[in-house]
Amino acid sequence: QVQLVQSGGGSVQPGGSLRLSCTASGIPNVANALAWYRQPPGKQRELVAEISIGGITNYADSVKGRFTISRANAQNTVSLQMIGLKPEDTAVYYCFIRRYGVWGQGTQVTVSS
């Protein structure tokens, strides 16, 4: 059974930083396309960042220059480093593995003074 387990997140003041991590289990340890999405309160889920099998990254315009997606030590562990956080970044963040169509459990990120 494919599972994505997320860690990190929490509450931070504007301008602060947070790091999210996500590890896939139940699949071979080979590179997969992985992504981070978020769902702000009362809004639809939206793509934040993604990394392809070959390591090519793509970001939503709203987070470019502030967020960085990367693979950690294992092929199927992905992190999202977030700096310069803004109140509008407040959302539940989800990781997603495209090949299997599986979502992580979601992690709350709250940016507020």
C-alpha atoms as a PDB file:
ATOM      1  CA  GLN A   1       0.000   0.000   0.000  1.00  0.00           C
ATOM      2  CA  VAL A   2       1.406   3.350  -1.035  1.00  0.00           C
ATOM      3  CA  GLN A   3       1.505   5.936   1.729  1.00  0.00           C
ATOM      4  CA  LEU A   4       2.818   9.478   2.024  1.00  0.00           C
ATOM      5  CA  VAL A   5       3.663  10.666   5.515  1.00  0.00           C
ATOM      6  CA  GLN A   6       4.189  14.379   6.059  1.00  0.00           C
ATOM      7  CA  SER A   7       6.012  16.221   8.821  1.00  0.00           C
ATOM      8  CA  GLY A   8       6.776  19.821   9.662  1.00  0.00           C
ATOM      9  CA  GLY A   9       4.529  22.846   9.408  1.00  0.00           C
ATOM     10  CA  GLY A  10       2.994  24.844  12.229  1.00  0.00           C
ATOM     11  CA  SER A  11       2.549  28.516  13.026  1.00  0.00           C
ATOM     12  CA  VAL A  12       4.944  31.327  12.244  1.00  0.00           C
ATOM     13  CA  GLN A  13       4.959  35.109  12.041  1.00  0.00           C
ATOM     14  CA  PRO A  14       5.114  36.885   8.687  1.00  0.00           C
ATOM     15  CA  GLY A  15       8.625  36.751   7.290  1.00  0.00           C
ATOM     16  CA  GLY A  16       9.362  33.501   9.074  1.00  0.00           C
ATOM     17  CA  SER A  17      10.429  30.140   7.722  1.00  0.00           C
ATOM     18  CA  LEU A  18       9.141  26.591   7.844  1.00  0.00           C
ATOM     19  CA  ARG A  19      10.129  23.280   6.312  1.00  0.00           C
ATOM     20  CA  LEU A  20       7.818  20.494   5.251  1.00  0.00           C
ATOM     21  CA  SER A  21       8.895  16.941   4.518  1.00  0.00           C
ATOM     22  CA  CYS A  22       7.099  14.010   2.948  1.00  0.00           C
ATOM     23  CA  THR A  23       8.212  10.395   2.679  1.00  0.00           C
ATOM     24  CA  ALA A  24       6.643   7.763   0.479  1.00  0.00           C
ATOM     25  CA  SER A  25       6.479   4.133   1.539  1.00  0.00           C
ATOM     26  CA  GLY A  26       5.246   0.986  -0.133  1.00  0.00           C
ATOM     27  CA  ILE A  27       6.961   1.756  -3.435  1.00  0.00           C
ATOM     28  CA  PRO A  28      10.355   0.984  -4.976  1.00  0.00           C
ATOM     29  CA  ASN A  29      13.106   3.436  -4.109  1.00  0.00           C
ATOM     30  CA  VAL A  30      13.372   5.030  -7.536  1.00  0.00           C
ATOM     31  CA  ALA A  31      12.775   8.629  -8.511  1.00  0.00           C
ATOM     32  CA  ASN A  32       9.178   9.739  -8.866  1.00  0.00           C
ATOM     33  CA  ALA A  33       7.544  13.004  -9.761  1.00  0.00           C
ATOM     34  CA  LEU A  34       6.466  14.612  -6.502  1.00  0.00           C
ATOM     35  CA  ALA A  35       4.558  17.762  -5.760  1.00  0.00           C
ATOM     36  CA  TRP A  36       3.296  20.013  -3.009  1.00  0.00           C
ATOM     37  CA  TYR A  37      -0.199  21.452  -3.140  1.00  0.00           C
ATOM     38  CA  ARG A  38      -2.014  23.668  -0.686  1.00  0.00           C
ATOM     39  CA  GLN A  39      -5.606  24.470   0.115  1.00  0.00           C
ATOM     40  CA  PRO A  40      -6.232  27.878   1.704  1.00  0.00           C
ATOM     41  CA  PRO A  41      -9.339  28.284   3.860  1.00  0.00           C
ATOM     42  CA  GLY A  42     -12.453  28.370   1.678  1.00  0.00           C
ATOM     43  CA  LYS A  43     -10.489  27.920  -1.546  1.00  0.00           C
ATOM     44  CA  GLN A  44      -9.587  25.138  -3.943  1.00  0.00           C
ATOM     45  CA  ARG A  45      -6.417  23.101  -3.734  1.00  0.00           C
ATOM     46  CA  GLU A  46      -3.619  24.593  -5.824  1.00  0.00           C
ATOM     47  CA  LEU A  47      -0.195  23.526  -6.994  1.00  0.00           C
ATOM     48  CA  VAL A  48       2.670  25.067  -5.029  1.00  0.00           C
ATOM     49  CA  ALA A  49       5.745  23.291  -6.381  1.00  0.00           C
ATOM     50  CA  GLU A  50       6.716  20.116  -8.168  1.00  0.00           C
ATOM     51  CA  ILE A  51       9.843  18.181  -9.019  1.00  0.00           C
ATOM     52  CA  SER A  52      10.053  15.835 -11.978  1.00  0.00           C
ATOM     53  CA  ILE A  53      11.716  12.447 -12.190  1.00  0.00           C
ATOM     54  CA  GLY A  54      14.720  14.186 -13.705  1.00  0.00           C
ATOM     55  CA  GLY A  55      14.844  16.818 -10.977  1.00  0.00           C
ATOM     56  CA  ILE A  56      13.308  19.697 -12.915  1.00  0.00           C
ATOM     57  CA  THR A  57      11.366  22.001 -10.615  1.00  0.00           C
ATOM     58  CA  ASN A  58       8.324  24.172 -11.195  1.00  0.00           C
ATOM     59  CA  TYR A  59       6.738  26.722  -8.870  1.00  0.00           C
ATOM     60  CA  ALA A  60       3.558  28.706  -8.608  1.00  0.00           C
ATOM     61  CA  ASP A  61       4.230  32.367  -9.360  1.00  0.00           C
ATOM     62  CA  SER A  62       3.123  33.321  -5.856  1.00  0.00           C
ATOM     63  CA  VAL A  63       5.941  31.350  -4.208  1.00  0.00           C
ATOM     64  CA  LYS A  64       8.814  31.752  -6.665  1.00  0.00           C
ATOM     65  CA  GLY A  65      11.954  32.943  -4.940  1.00  0.00           C
ATOM     66  CA  ARG A  66      10.584  32.041  -1.501  1.00  0.00           C
ATOM     67  CA  PHE A  67       9.898  28.297  -1.629  1.00  0.00           C
ATOM     68  CA  THR A  68      12.294  25.535  -2.645  1.00  0.00           C
ATOM     69  CA  ILE A  69      11.313  21.956  -3.390  1.00  0.00           C
ATOM     70  CA  SER A  70      13.993  19.295  -3.170  1.00  0.00           C
ATOM     71  CA  ARG A  71      14.541  15.609  -2.729  1.00  0.00           C
ATOM     72  CA  ALA A  72      16.058  14.560   0.557  1.00  0.00           C
ATOM     73  CA  ASN A  73      18.440  11.629   0.990  1.00  0.00           C
ATOM     74  CA  ALA A  74      16.050   9.001  -0.327  1.00  0.00           C
ATOM     75  CA  GLN A  75      14.541   9.198  -3.787  1.00  0.00           C
ATOM     76  CA  ASN A  76      11.014   9.296  -2.456  1.00  0.00           C
ATOM     77  CA  THR A  77      11.432  11.891   0.238  1.00  0.00           C
ATOM     78  CA  VAL A  78      10.620  15.429  -0.775  1.00  0.00           C
ATOM     79  CA  SER A  79      10.927  18.641   1.190  1.00  0.00           C
ATOM     80  CA  LEU A  80       9.548  22.122   0.833  1.00  0.00           C
ATOM     81  CA  GLN A  81      11.632  24.892   2.354  1.00  0.00           C
ATOM     82  CA  MET A  82       9.549  28.028   2.823  1.00  0.00           C
ATOM     83  CA  ILE A  83      11.060  31.410   3.653  1.00  0.00           C
ATOM     84  CA  GLY A  84       9.599  34.897   3.716  1.00  0.00           C
ATOM     85  CA  LEU A  85       6.209  33.478   4.629  1.00  0.00           C
ATOM     86  CA  LYS A  86       3.169  35.685   4.169  1.00  0.00           C
ATOM     87  CA  PRO A  87      -0.329  35.496   5.685  1.00  0.00           C
ATOM     88  CA  GLU A  88      -1.638  34.425   2.283  1.00  0.00           C
ATOM     89  CA  ASP A  89       0.527  31.299   2.519  1.00  0.00           C
ATOM     90  CA  THR A  90      -1.764  30.058   5.284  1.00  0.00           C
ATOM     91  CA  ALA A  91      -3.221  26.741   4.124  1.00  0.00           C
ATOM     92  CA  VAL A  92      -3.216  23.016   4.560  1.00  0.00           C
ATOM     93  CA  TYR A  93      -0.279  21.680   2.558  1.00  0.00           C
ATOM     94  CA  TYR A  94      -0.361  18.271   0.881  1.00  0.00           C
ATOM     95  CA  CYS A  95       2.325  16.269  -0.856  1.00  0.00           C
ATOM     96  CA  PHE A  96       1.362  14.191  -3.889  1.00  0.00           C
ATOM     97  CA  ILE A  97       3.021  11.394  -5.832  1.00  0.00           C
ATOM     98  CA  ARG A  98       1.801  11.484  -9.423  1.00  0.00           C
ATOM     99  CA  ARG A  99       2.530   7.931 -10.522  1.00  0.00           C
ATOM    100  CA  TYR A 100       0.295   6.471  -7.823  1.00  0.00           C
ATOM    101  CA  GLY A 101      -2.171   9.308  -7.385  1.00  0.00           C
ATOM    102  CA  VAL A 102      -1.704   9.282  -3.619  1.00  0.00           C
ATOM    103  CA  TRP A 103      -1.893  12.275  -1.271  1.00  0.00           C
ATOM    104  CA  GLY A 104      -0.245  12.912   2.058  1.00  0.00           C
ATOM    105  CA  GLN A 105      -2.366  13.480   5.151  1.00  0.00           C
ATOM    106  CA  GLY A 106      -2.046  17.267   5.042  1.00  0.00           C
ATOM    107  CA  THR A 107      -0.173  19.695   7.287  1.00  0.00           C
ATOM    108  CA  GLN A 108      -1.428  23.015   8.554  1.00  0.00           C
ATOM    109  CA  VAL A 109       0.745  26.072   7.931  1.00  0.00           C
ATOM    110  CA  THR A 110      -0.437  29.270   9.588  1.00  0.00           C
ATOM    111  CA  VAL A 111       1.244  32.629   9.039  1.00  0.00           C
ATOM    112  CA  SER A 112      -0.032  35.285  11.396  1.00  0.00           C
ATOM    113  CA  SER A 113       1.201  38.065  13.611  1.00  0.00           C
END
